[in-house]
């Protein structure tokens, strides 16, 4: 319920599961980024935002995400790529982001 920050989770993983500290840091950072992406998406939908614009980040470890750069997508459905539904930051190694498209932006 309290949640973790990446450094707290990285300290806990080796103790509980015997994971090497460097690997634990990578796992913790990835999991925290993915959780943040889910929470941000839910917050946007609660605010009534329906669409966003995908921004590929050069640090993103997923090459196929380049094709999504600048693509508009529905927050609830995610962006479609190769038959999969994707959201920025929700996959390990993804550093992509997005910006809101508000209804007033379209008028």
N, C-alpha and C. Protein backbone atom coordinates (compact mmCIF):
# COMPACT_ATOMS: atom_id res chain seq x y z
N UNK A 1 0.83 -1.20 0.00
CA UNK A 1 0.00 0.00 0.00
C UNK A 1 0.87 1.26 0.00
N UNK A 2 1.97 1.23 0.72
CA UNK A 2 2.84 2.39 0.83
C UNK A 2 3.56 2.66 -0.47
N UNK A 3 3.89 1.60 -1.19
CA UNK A 3 4.61 1.75 -2.45
C UNK A 3 6.10 1.84 -2.22
N UNK A 4 6.83 1.89 -3.30
CA UNK A 4 8.28 1.95 -3.25
C UNK A 4 8.79 3.01 -4.21
N UNK A 5 9.94 3.55 -3.89
CA UNK A 5 10.66 4.32 -4.87
C UNK A 5 11.70 3.36 -5.46
N UNK A 6 12.32 3.74 -6.53
CA UNK A 6 13.24 2.83 -7.22
C UNK A 6 14.40 2.42 -6.32
N UNK A 7 14.94 3.35 -5.55
CA UNK A 7 16.09 2.99 -4.70
C UNK A 7 15.67 2.05 -3.57
N UNK A 8 14.49 2.27 -3.00
CA UNK A 8 13.99 1.37 -1.95
C UNK A 8 13.76 -0.03 -2.47
N UNK A 9 13.17 -0.12 -3.64
CA UNK A 9 12.93 -1.42 -4.25
C UNK A 9 14.24 -2.11 -4.62
N UNK A 10 15.20 -1.35 -5.12
CA UNK A 10 16.51 -1.92 -5.48
C UNK A 10 17.22 -2.48 -4.25
N UNK A 11 17.04 -1.87 -3.09
CA UNK A 11 17.65 -2.40 -1.86
C UNK A 11 16.95 -3.66 -1.39
N UNK A 12 15.65 -3.74 -1.60
CA UNK A 12 14.87 -4.86 -1.10
C UNK A 12 15.03 -6.13 -1.96
N UNK A 13 15.15 -5.98 -3.26
CA UNK A 13 15.23 -7.15 -4.15
C UNK A 13 16.38 -8.10 -3.82
N UNK A 14 17.60 -7.63 -3.60
CA UNK A 14 18.67 -8.57 -3.27
C UNK A 14 18.41 -9.31 -1.95
N UNK A 15 17.85 -8.61 -0.97
CA UNK A 15 17.59 -9.24 0.32
C UNK A 15 16.52 -10.32 0.23
N UNK A 16 15.44 -10.05 -0.47
CA UNK A 16 14.33 -11.00 -0.55
C UNK A 16 14.55 -12.12 -1.56
N UNK A 17 15.17 -11.78 -2.69
CA UNK A 17 15.22 -12.75 -3.78
C UNK A 17 16.64 -13.12 -4.22
N UNK A 18 17.64 -12.54 -3.60
CA UNK A 18 19.01 -12.88 -3.93
C UNK A 18 19.47 -12.36 -5.29
N UNK A 19 18.81 -11.34 -5.78
CA UNK A 19 19.16 -10.77 -7.08
C UNK A 19 20.41 -9.90 -6.91
N UNK A 20 21.30 -9.95 -7.88
CA UNK A 20 22.52 -9.14 -7.84
C UNK A 20 22.13 -7.66 -7.77
N UNK A 21 22.85 -6.85 -7.00
CA UNK A 21 22.49 -5.44 -6.82
C UNK A 21 22.36 -4.64 -8.11
N UNK A 22 23.26 -4.84 -9.08
CA UNK A 22 23.14 -4.09 -10.34
C UNK A 22 21.87 -4.47 -11.09
N UNK A 23 21.58 -5.76 -11.11
CA UNK A 23 20.35 -6.23 -11.77
C UNK A 23 19.12 -5.71 -11.04
N UNK A 24 19.19 -5.67 -9.71
CA UNK A 24 18.07 -5.16 -8.91
C UNK A 24 17.78 -3.70 -9.23
N UNK A 25 18.83 -2.90 -9.46
CA UNK A 25 18.64 -1.49 -9.82
C UNK A 25 17.91 -1.36 -11.15
N UNK A 26 18.31 -2.18 -12.12
CA UNK A 26 17.64 -2.15 -13.43
C UNK A 26 16.17 -2.55 -13.32
N UNK A 27 15.91 -3.61 -12.58
CA UNK A 27 14.54 -4.09 -12.40
C UNK A 27 13.71 -3.03 -11.69
N UNK A 28 14.25 -2.46 -10.62
CA UNK A 28 13.51 -1.47 -9.84
C UNK A 28 13.17 -0.25 -10.68
N UNK A 29 14.16 0.26 -11.43
CA UNK A 29 13.92 1.43 -12.27
C UNK A 29 12.84 1.13 -13.32
N UNK A 30 12.93 -0.02 -13.94
CA UNK A 30 11.98 -0.41 -14.97
C UNK A 30 10.57 -0.53 -14.40
N UNK A 31 10.43 -1.21 -13.27
CA UNK A 31 9.11 -1.41 -12.67
C UNK A 31 8.50 -0.09 -12.21
N UNK A 32 9.31 0.78 -11.64
CA UNK A 32 8.79 2.08 -11.20
C UNK A 32 8.37 2.94 -12.39
N UNK A 33 9.14 2.91 -13.47
CA UNK A 33 8.76 3.65 -14.68
C UNK A 33 7.46 3.12 -15.26
N UNK A 34 7.31 1.80 -15.29
CA UNK A 34 6.08 1.23 -15.84
C UNK A 34 4.88 1.57 -14.96
N UNK A 35 5.05 1.52 -13.65
CA UNK A 35 3.95 1.88 -12.74
C UNK A 35 3.57 3.34 -12.92
N UNK A 36 4.58 4.21 -13.05
CA UNK A 36 4.31 5.64 -13.25
C UNK A 36 3.53 5.87 -14.54
N UNK A 37 3.86 5.14 -15.59
CA UNK A 37 3.16 5.28 -16.87
C UNK A 37 1.69 4.89 -16.73
N UNK A 38 1.42 3.83 -16.01
CA UNK A 38 0.03 3.37 -15.80
C UNK A 38 -0.75 4.41 -15.00
N UNK A 39 -0.14 4.92 -13.94
CA UNK A 39 -0.80 5.91 -13.09
C UNK A 39 -1.06 7.20 -13.86
N UNK A 40 -0.08 7.68 -14.61
CA UNK A 40 -0.26 8.90 -15.40
C UNK A 40 -1.37 8.74 -16.42
N UNK A 41 -1.44 7.57 -17.07
CA UNK A 41 -2.49 7.32 -18.07
C UNK A 41 -3.86 7.35 -17.40
N UNK A 42 -3.98 6.71 -16.24
CA UNK A 42 -5.26 6.69 -15.52
C UNK A 42 -5.66 8.11 -15.08
N UNK A 43 -4.69 8.88 -14.59
CA UNK A 43 -4.97 10.26 -14.19
C UNK A 43 -5.49 11.09 -15.36
N UNK A 44 -4.86 10.93 -16.51
CA UNK A 44 -5.30 11.68 -17.69
C UNK A 44 -6.73 11.34 -18.06
N UNK A 45 -7.05 10.04 -18.05
CA UNK A 45 -8.41 9.64 -18.41
C UNK A 45 -9.42 10.17 -17.40
N UNK A 46 -9.05 10.20 -16.11
CA UNK A 46 -9.94 10.76 -15.09
C UNK A 46 -10.19 12.24 -15.32
N UNK A 47 -9.20 12.94 -15.88
CA UNK A 47 -9.35 14.37 -16.17
C UNK A 47 -10.12 14.60 -17.46
N UNK A 48 -10.52 13.54 -18.13
CA UNK A 48 -11.31 13.69 -19.35
C UNK A 48 -10.49 13.77 -20.62
N UNK A 49 -9.19 13.58 -20.51
CA UNK A 49 -8.34 13.60 -21.71
C UNK A 49 -8.51 12.26 -22.41
N UNK A 50 -8.77 12.30 -23.69
CA UNK A 50 -9.05 11.07 -24.43
C UNK A 50 -7.93 10.64 -25.36
N UNK A 51 -7.13 11.59 -25.84
CA UNK A 51 -6.09 11.26 -26.81
C UNK A 51 -4.75 11.88 -26.41
N UNK A 52 -3.69 11.27 -26.94
CA UNK A 52 -2.34 11.78 -26.69
C UNK A 52 -1.50 11.59 -27.95
N UNK A 53 -0.36 12.24 -27.95
CA UNK A 53 0.58 12.16 -29.06
C UNK A 53 1.85 11.48 -28.55
N UNK A 54 2.26 10.39 -29.19
CA UNK A 54 3.41 9.60 -28.78
C UNK A 54 4.71 10.32 -29.14
N UNK A 55 5.67 10.32 -28.20
CA UNK A 55 6.99 10.90 -28.43
C UNK A 55 8.03 9.83 -28.17
N UNK A 56 8.72 9.42 -29.22
CA UNK A 56 9.79 8.43 -29.08
C UNK A 56 11.00 9.10 -28.45
N UNK A 57 11.63 8.43 -27.51
CA UNK A 57 12.83 8.93 -26.85
C UNK A 57 14.02 8.15 -27.39
N UNK A 58 15.09 8.84 -27.70
CA UNK A 58 16.28 8.20 -28.27
C UNK A 58 16.86 7.14 -27.32
N UNK A 59 16.59 7.27 -26.02
CA UNK A 59 17.08 6.29 -25.06
C UNK A 59 16.19 5.05 -24.99
N UNK A 60 15.09 5.05 -25.70
CA UNK A 60 14.18 3.90 -25.68
C UNK A 60 14.89 2.69 -26.27
N UNK A 61 14.84 1.59 -25.54
CA UNK A 61 15.51 0.38 -25.98
C UNK A 61 14.68 -0.48 -26.93
N UNK A 62 13.56 0.03 -27.39
CA UNK A 62 12.69 -0.74 -28.27
C UNK A 62 12.63 -0.04 -29.62
N UNK A 63 13.35 -0.57 -30.57
CA UNK A 63 13.48 0.09 -31.89
C UNK A 63 12.17 0.32 -32.61
N UNK A 64 11.23 -0.61 -32.46
CA UNK A 64 9.96 -0.48 -33.18
C UNK A 64 9.17 0.75 -32.74
N UNK A 65 9.46 1.30 -31.57
CA UNK A 65 8.73 2.48 -31.08
C UNK A 65 9.01 3.73 -31.91
N UNK A 66 10.07 3.71 -32.72
CA UNK A 66 10.36 4.85 -33.60
C UNK A 66 9.16 5.09 -34.53
N UNK A 67 8.52 4.01 -34.96
CA UNK A 67 7.38 4.12 -35.87
C UNK A 67 6.18 4.82 -35.22
N UNK A 68 6.14 4.86 -33.90
CA UNK A 68 5.03 5.49 -33.20
C UNK A 68 5.24 7.00 -32.98
N UNK A 69 6.44 7.48 -33.21
CA UNK A 69 6.75 8.88 -32.94
C UNK A 69 5.80 9.81 -33.70
N UNK A 70 5.16 10.70 -32.96
CA UNK A 70 4.24 11.66 -33.56
C UNK A 70 2.87 11.10 -33.84
N UNK A 71 2.65 9.84 -33.51
CA UNK A 71 1.34 9.23 -33.79
C UNK A 71 0.35 9.55 -32.67
N UNK A 72 -0.83 9.87 -33.08
CA UNK A 72 -1.93 10.16 -32.17
C UNK A 72 -2.58 8.83 -31.78
N UNK A 73 -2.96 8.69 -30.51
CA UNK A 73 -3.62 7.46 -30.08
C UNK A 73 -4.64 7.76 -28.98
N UNK A 74 -5.59 6.86 -28.83
CA UNK A 74 -6.62 6.98 -27.80
C UNK A 74 -6.04 6.40 -26.51
N UNK A 75 -6.07 7.17 -25.44
CA UNK A 75 -5.46 6.75 -24.18
C UNK A 75 -5.99 5.41 -23.69
N UNK A 76 -7.28 5.21 -23.79
CA UNK A 76 -7.88 3.98 -23.29
C UNK A 76 -7.43 2.76 -24.09
N UNK A 77 -7.18 2.92 -25.37
CA UNK A 77 -6.85 1.79 -26.24
C UNK A 77 -5.36 1.60 -26.46
N UNK A 78 -4.58 2.64 -26.31
CA UNK A 78 -3.15 2.58 -26.60
C UNK A 78 -2.91 2.69 -28.10
N UNK A 79 -1.65 2.77 -28.46
CA UNK A 79 -1.27 2.86 -29.87
C UNK A 79 -1.11 1.45 -30.43
N UNK A 80 -1.52 1.25 -31.64
CA UNK A 80 -1.42 -0.07 -32.28
C UNK A 80 -0.14 -0.16 -33.09
N UNK A 81 0.62 -1.23 -32.85
CA UNK A 81 1.84 -1.48 -33.59
C UNK A 81 2.00 -2.99 -33.73
N UNK A 82 2.03 -3.46 -34.96
CA UNK A 82 2.18 -4.89 -35.24
C UNK A 82 1.16 -5.75 -34.49
N UNK A 83 -0.07 -5.26 -34.44
CA UNK A 83 -1.14 -6.02 -33.80
C UNK A 83 -1.16 -5.97 -32.28
N UNK A 84 -0.26 -5.19 -31.69
CA UNK A 84 -0.21 -5.04 -30.23
C UNK A 84 -0.66 -3.64 -29.84
N UNK A 85 -1.25 -3.53 -28.68
CA UNK A 85 -1.63 -2.24 -28.11
C UNK A 85 -0.53 -1.82 -27.13
N UNK A 86 0.01 -0.62 -27.33
CA UNK A 86 1.13 -0.14 -26.53
C UNK A 86 0.84 1.23 -25.94
N UNK A 87 1.47 1.50 -24.80
CA UNK A 87 1.42 2.81 -24.17
C UNK A 87 2.84 3.24 -23.86
N UNK A 88 3.17 4.51 -23.98
CA UNK A 88 4.53 4.98 -23.70
C UNK A 88 4.95 4.64 -22.27
N UNK A 89 6.14 4.09 -22.14
CA UNK A 89 6.70 3.80 -20.83
C UNK A 89 6.21 2.54 -20.16
N UNK A 90 5.33 1.77 -20.80
CA UNK A 90 4.75 0.61 -20.14
C UNK A 90 5.46 -0.71 -20.45
N UNK A 91 6.54 -0.64 -21.19
CA UNK A 91 7.32 -1.84 -21.45
C UNK A 91 8.72 -1.64 -20.88
N UNK A 92 9.36 -2.73 -20.46
CA UNK A 92 10.73 -2.60 -19.97
C UNK A 92 11.61 -1.95 -21.04
N UNK A 93 12.46 -1.06 -20.64
CA UNK A 93 13.42 -0.35 -21.50
C UNK A 93 12.78 0.74 -22.36
N UNK A 94 11.50 1.00 -22.20
CA UNK A 94 10.84 2.06 -22.97
C UNK A 94 10.92 3.38 -22.20
N UNK A 95 11.50 4.38 -22.82
CA UNK A 95 11.58 5.72 -22.23
C UNK A 95 10.72 6.72 -22.99
N UNK A 96 9.82 6.21 -23.83
CA UNK A 96 8.96 7.09 -24.61
C UNK A 96 7.99 7.83 -23.69
N UNK A 97 7.42 8.90 -24.19
CA UNK A 97 6.46 9.69 -23.43
C UNK A 97 5.35 10.13 -24.38
N UNK A 98 4.45 10.95 -23.87
CA UNK A 98 3.38 11.47 -24.71
C UNK A 98 2.91 12.80 -24.16
N UNK A 99 2.22 13.53 -25.00
CA UNK A 99 1.59 14.78 -24.57
C UNK A 99 0.10 14.68 -24.83
N UNK A 100 -0.64 15.35 -23.98
CA UNK A 100 -2.10 15.32 -24.07
C UNK A 100 -2.58 16.05 -25.32
N UNK A 101 -3.65 15.55 -25.89
CA UNK A 101 -4.38 16.27 -26.92
C UNK A 101 -5.73 16.60 -26.29
N UNK A 102 -5.90 17.85 -25.93
CA UNK A 102 -7.13 18.28 -25.27
C UNK A 102 -8.16 18.62 -26.33
N UNK A 103 -9.42 18.51 -25.96
CA UNK A 103 -10.50 18.82 -26.90
C UNK A 103 -10.37 20.24 -27.42
N UNK A 104 -9.88 21.16 -26.60
CA UNK A 104 -9.73 22.55 -27.03
C UNK A 104 -8.63 22.70 -28.08
N UNK A 105 -7.67 21.75 -28.12
CA UNK A 105 -6.59 21.80 -29.11
C UNK A 105 -7.11 21.54 -30.52
N UNK A 106 -8.26 20.91 -30.63
CA UNK A 106 -8.79 20.52 -31.93
C UNK A 106 -9.70 21.57 -32.54
N UNK A 107 -10.09 22.53 -31.76
CA UNK A 107 -11.05 23.53 -32.27
C UNK A 107 -10.37 24.61 -33.04
